């Protein structure tokens, strides 16, 4: 198995049970995360610190039990790993937030670190379930 695919497979095995630590541990300090779309949650986040402060912490603050997403398919070619995943989440207001995703993840280095993530999802569900990103 491709080393990058193995890293991503392990990350999503942990995300499926609500453990985001492996994701953060494998994220390069200069990582870029782009949420595709035109919602308040869409945009580009540059650097691990900005991703945490501007995207991940606001997201998890709106969820009851942390963020969960299970991979249904992982395809890898070289430094690119593509993941189809489904969330299993409930907001603090009790609303289901079970989005479907396609993540395109670029990893490089030894050990492999995540350099970029592009996230494709149901943006209408993001806005309806999570509200505005503050």
C-alpha atoms as a PDB file:
ATOM      1  CA  UNK A   1       0.000   0.000   0.000  1.00  0.00           C
ATOM      2  CA  UNK A   2       1.139   3.494  -0.866  1.00  0.00           C
ATOM      3  CA  UNK A   3       2.538   5.195   2.306  1.00  0.00           C
ATOM      4  CA  UNK A   4       0.343   8.273   1.759  1.00  0.00           C
ATOM      5  CA  UNK A   5      -2.760   6.098   1.450  1.00  0.00           C
ATOM      6  CA  UNK A   6      -1.828   4.258   4.664  1.00  0.00           C
ATOM      7  CA  UNK A   7      -1.543   7.554   6.563  1.00  0.00           C
ATOM      8  CA  UNK A   8      -4.910   8.786   5.297  1.00  0.00           C
ATOM      9  CA  UNK A   9      -6.556   5.420   5.989  1.00  0.00           C
ATOM     10  CA  UNK A  10      -5.342   5.607   9.606  1.00  0.00           C
ATOM     11  CA  UNK A  11      -6.510   9.230   9.937  1.00  0.00           C
ATOM     12  CA  UNK A  12     -10.024   8.367   8.762  1.00  0.00           C
ATOM     13  CA  UNK A  13     -10.209   5.255  10.932  1.00  0.00           C
ATOM     14  CA  UNK A  14      -9.713   7.595  13.896  1.00  0.00           C
ATOM     15  CA  UNK A  15     -12.028  10.320  12.549  1.00  0.00           C
ATOM     16  CA  UNK A  16     -14.765   7.677  12.306  1.00  0.00           C
ATOM     17  CA  UNK A  17     -14.681   7.394  16.114  1.00  0.00           C
ATOM     18  CA  UNK A  18     -14.265  11.116  16.775  1.00  0.00           C
ATOM     19  CA  UNK A  19     -10.487  11.286  17.227  1.00  0.00           C
ATOM     20  CA  UNK A  20      -9.033  14.136  15.162  1.00  0.00           C
ATOM     21  CA  UNK A  21      -5.569  14.013  16.748  1.00  0.00           C
ATOM     22  CA  UNK A  22      -3.971  11.939  13.928  1.00  0.00           C
ATOM     23  CA  UNK A  23      -5.254  14.462  11.364  1.00  0.00           C
ATOM     24  CA  UNK A  24      -3.628  17.320  13.260  1.00  0.00           C
ATOM     25  CA  UNK A  25      -0.410  15.370  13.846  1.00  0.00           C
ATOM     26  CA  UNK A  26      -0.017  14.692  10.111  1.00  0.00           C
ATOM     27  CA  UNK A  27      -0.789  18.247   9.022  1.00  0.00           C
ATOM     28  CA  UNK A  28       2.237  20.306   7.912  1.00  0.00           C
ATOM     29  CA  UNK A  29       2.605  23.683   9.611  1.00  0.00           C
ATOM     30  CA  UNK A  30       2.133  25.395   6.235  1.00  0.00           C
ATOM     31  CA  UNK A  31      -0.826  23.233   5.193  1.00  0.00           C
ATOM     32  CA  UNK A  32      -3.592  24.784   3.091  1.00  0.00           C
ATOM     33  CA  UNK A  33      -7.255  23.748   3.423  1.00  0.00           C
ATOM     34  CA  UNK A  34      -9.808  24.831   0.856  1.00  0.00           C
ATOM     35  CA  UNK A  35     -13.528  24.321   1.369  1.00  0.00           C
ATOM     36  CA  UNK A  36     -15.113  24.487  -2.074  1.00  0.00           C
ATOM     37  CA  UNK A  37     -18.254  26.580  -2.524  1.00  0.00           C
ATOM     38  CA  UNK A  38     -19.595  30.021  -1.742  1.00  0.00           C
ATOM     39  CA  UNK A  39     -20.963  29.629   1.791  1.00  0.00           C
ATOM     40  CA  UNK A  40     -19.629  31.420   4.866  1.00  0.00           C
ATOM     41  CA  UNK A  41     -17.676  28.193   5.591  1.00  0.00           C
ATOM     42  CA  UNK A  42     -16.103  28.124   2.125  1.00  0.00           C
ATOM     43  CA  UNK A  43     -12.702  29.560   1.403  1.00  0.00           C
ATOM     44  CA  UNK A  44      -9.009  28.980   1.803  1.00  0.00           C
ATOM     45  CA  UNK A  45      -7.288  28.599   5.139  1.00  0.00           C
ATOM     46  CA  UNK A  46      -3.503  28.899   5.156  1.00  0.00           C
ATOM     47  CA  UNK A  47      -1.345  27.332   7.843  1.00  0.00           C
ATOM     48  CA  UNK A  48      -2.113  24.807  10.548  1.00  0.00           C
ATOM     49  CA  UNK A  49      -2.796  27.515  13.142  1.00  0.00           C
ATOM     50  CA  UNK A  50      -5.289  29.321  10.902  1.00  0.00           C
ATOM     51  CA  UNK A  51      -6.995  26.037   9.970  1.00  0.00           C
ATOM     52  CA  UNK A  52      -7.451  25.229  13.645  1.00  0.00           C
ATOM     53  CA  UNK A  53      -8.621  28.693  14.716  1.00  0.00           C
ATOM     54  CA  UNK A  54     -10.735  29.664  11.722  1.00  0.00           C
ATOM     55  CA  UNK A  55     -12.204  26.322  10.592  1.00  0.00           C
ATOM     56  CA  UNK A  56     -11.803  23.287  12.845  1.00  0.00           C
ATOM     57  CA  UNK A  57     -12.456  24.849  16.263  1.00  0.00           C
ATOM     58  CA  UNK A  58     -15.598  26.696  15.086  1.00  0.00           C
ATOM     59  CA  UNK A  59     -16.799  23.447  13.491  1.00  0.00           C
ATOM     60  CA  UNK A  60     -16.257  21.279  16.559  1.00  0.00           C
ATOM     61  CA  UNK A  61     -17.779  23.968  18.794  1.00  0.00           C
ATOM     62  CA  UNK A  62     -21.063  23.445  16.926  1.00  0.00           C
ATOM     63  CA  UNK A  63     -20.991  19.646  17.294  1.00  0.00           C
ATOM     64  CA  UNK A  64     -22.042  17.624  20.339  1.00  0.00           C
ATOM     65  CA  UNK A  65     -19.356  14.961  20.375  1.00  0.00           C
ATOM     66  CA  UNK A  66     -16.550  16.202  18.173  1.00  0.00           C
ATOM     67  CA  UNK A  67     -16.302  15.596  14.446  1.00  0.00           C
ATOM     68  CA  UNK A  68     -16.812  12.136  12.942  1.00  0.00           C
ATOM     69  CA  UNK A  69     -16.356  11.101   9.317  1.00  0.00           C
ATOM     70  CA  UNK A  70     -15.893   7.576   8.002  1.00  0.00           C
ATOM     71  CA  UNK A  71     -14.197   6.839   4.685  1.00  0.00           C
ATOM     72  CA  UNK A  72     -16.094   4.671   2.233  1.00  0.00           C
ATOM     73  CA  UNK A  73     -13.421   4.769  -0.471  1.00  0.00           C
ATOM     74  CA  UNK A  74      -9.777   5.789  -0.565  1.00  0.00           C
ATOM     75  CA  UNK A  75      -7.877   6.066  -3.841  1.00  0.00           C
ATOM     76  CA  UNK A  76      -4.219   7.001  -4.026  1.00  0.00           C
ATOM     77  CA  UNK A  77      -1.821   7.881  -6.784  1.00  0.00           C
ATOM     78  CA  UNK A  78       1.566   9.202  -5.801  1.00  0.00           C
ATOM     79  CA  UNK A  79       1.258  12.185  -3.486  1.00  0.00           C
ATOM     80  CA  UNK A  80      -2.522  12.549  -3.991  1.00  0.00           C
ATOM     81  CA  UNK A  81      -5.093  10.631  -1.938  1.00  0.00           C
ATOM     82  CA  UNK A  82      -8.820  10.999  -2.639  1.00  0.00           C
ATOM     83  CA  UNK A  83     -11.321  10.070   0.059  1.00  0.00           C
ATOM     84  CA  UNK A  84     -15.074   9.675  -0.187  1.00  0.00           C
ATOM     85  CA  UNK A  85     -16.470   9.982   3.314  1.00  0.00           C
ATOM     86  CA  UNK A  86     -19.690  10.453   5.236  1.00  0.00           C
ATOM     87  CA  UNK A  87     -20.056  12.387   8.449  1.00  0.00           C
ATOM     88  CA  UNK A  88     -21.972  11.111  11.451  1.00  0.00           C
ATOM     89  CA  UNK A  89     -22.555  14.171  13.593  1.00  0.00           C
ATOM     90  CA  UNK A  90     -25.163  16.030  15.572  1.00  0.00           C
ATOM     91  CA  UNK A  91     -25.028  19.744  16.255  1.00  0.00           C
ATOM     92  CA  UNK A  92     -25.295  21.229  19.733  1.00  0.00           C
ATOM     93  CA  UNK A  93     -28.869  22.203  18.823  1.00  0.00           C
ATOM     94  CA  UNK A  94     -29.688  18.548  18.052  1.00  0.00           C
ATOM     95  CA  UNK A  95     -29.715  18.773  14.256  1.00  0.00           C
ATOM     96  CA  UNK A  96     -28.162  15.921  12.240  1.00  0.00           C
ATOM     97  CA  UNK A  97     -25.080  16.932  10.300  1.00  0.00           C
ATOM     98  CA  UNK A  98     -24.244  13.886   8.191  1.00  0.00           C
ATOM     99  CA  UNK A  99     -22.585  15.480   5.210  1.00  0.00           C
ATOM    100  CA  UNK A 100     -21.047  13.545   2.330  1.00  0.00           C
ATOM    101  CA  UNK A 101     -17.551  14.568   1.316  1.00  0.00           C
ATOM    102  CA  UNK A 102     -14.856  14.168  -1.234  1.00  0.00           C
ATOM    103  CA  UNK A 103     -11.459  15.152   0.146  1.00  0.00           C
ATOM    104  CA  UNK A 104      -8.499  15.565  -2.194  1.00  0.00           C
ATOM    105  CA  UNK A 105      -5.406  15.389  -0.008  1.00  0.00           C
ATOM    106  CA  UNK A 106      -1.821  16.136  -1.048  1.00  0.00           C
ATOM    107  CA  UNK A 107       0.878  14.589   1.131  1.00  0.00           C
ATOM    108  CA  UNK A 108       4.639  14.643   0.773  1.00  0.00           C
ATOM    109  CA  UNK A 109       7.791  14.032   2.772  1.00  0.00           C
ATOM    110  CA  UNK A 110       9.115  11.299   5.003  1.00  0.00           C
ATOM    111  CA  UNK A 111       7.134  10.838   7.140  1.00  0.00           C
ATOM    112  CA  UNK A 112       4.262  11.946   4.896  1.00  0.00           C
ATOM    113  CA  UNK A 113       2.665  15.239   5.951  1.00  0.00           C
ATOM    114  CA  UNK A 114      -0.532  16.793   4.628  1.00  0.00           C
ATOM    115  CA  UNK A 115       0.329  19.817   2.508  1.00  0.00           C
ATOM    116  CA  UNK A 116      -3.123  20.574   1.137  1.00  0.00           C
ATOM    117  CA  UNK A 117      -6.741  19.478   1.542  1.00  0.00           C
ATOM    118  CA  UNK A 118      -9.564  20.355  -0.825  1.00  0.00           C
ATOM    119  CA  UNK A 119     -12.963  19.521   0.642  1.00  0.00           C
ATOM    120  CA  UNK A 120     -16.052  19.096  -1.521  1.00  0.00           C
ATOM    121  CA  UNK A 121     -19.371  18.741   0.335  1.00  0.00           C
ATOM    122  CA  UNK A 122     -23.059  19.644   0.388  1.00  0.00           C
ATOM    123  CA  UNK A 123     -22.634  23.351   1.062  1.00  0.00           C
ATOM    124  CA  UNK A 124     -26.360  23.946   1.576  1.00  0.00           C
ATOM    125  CA  UNK A 125     -26.304  21.386   4.386  1.00  0.00           C
ATOM    126  CA  UNK A 126     -23.254  23.070   5.899  1.00  0.00           C
ATOM    127  CA  UNK A 127     -25.052  26.416   6.106  1.00  0.00           C
ATOM    128  CA  UNK A 128     -28.390  24.935   7.227  1.00  0.00           C
ATOM    129  CA  UNK A 129     -26.885  22.772   9.967  1.00  0.00           C
ATOM    130  CA  UNK A 130     -23.991  24.934  11.143  1.00  0.00           C
ATOM    131  CA  UNK A 131     -25.097  28.503  10.450  1.00  0.00           C
ATOM    132  CA  UNK A 132     -22.647  31.274   9.691  1.00  0.00           C
ATOM    133  CA  UNK A 133     -18.951  30.933  10.358  1.00  0.00           C
ATOM    134  CA  UNK A 134     -18.018  33.661  12.809  1.00  0.00           C
END
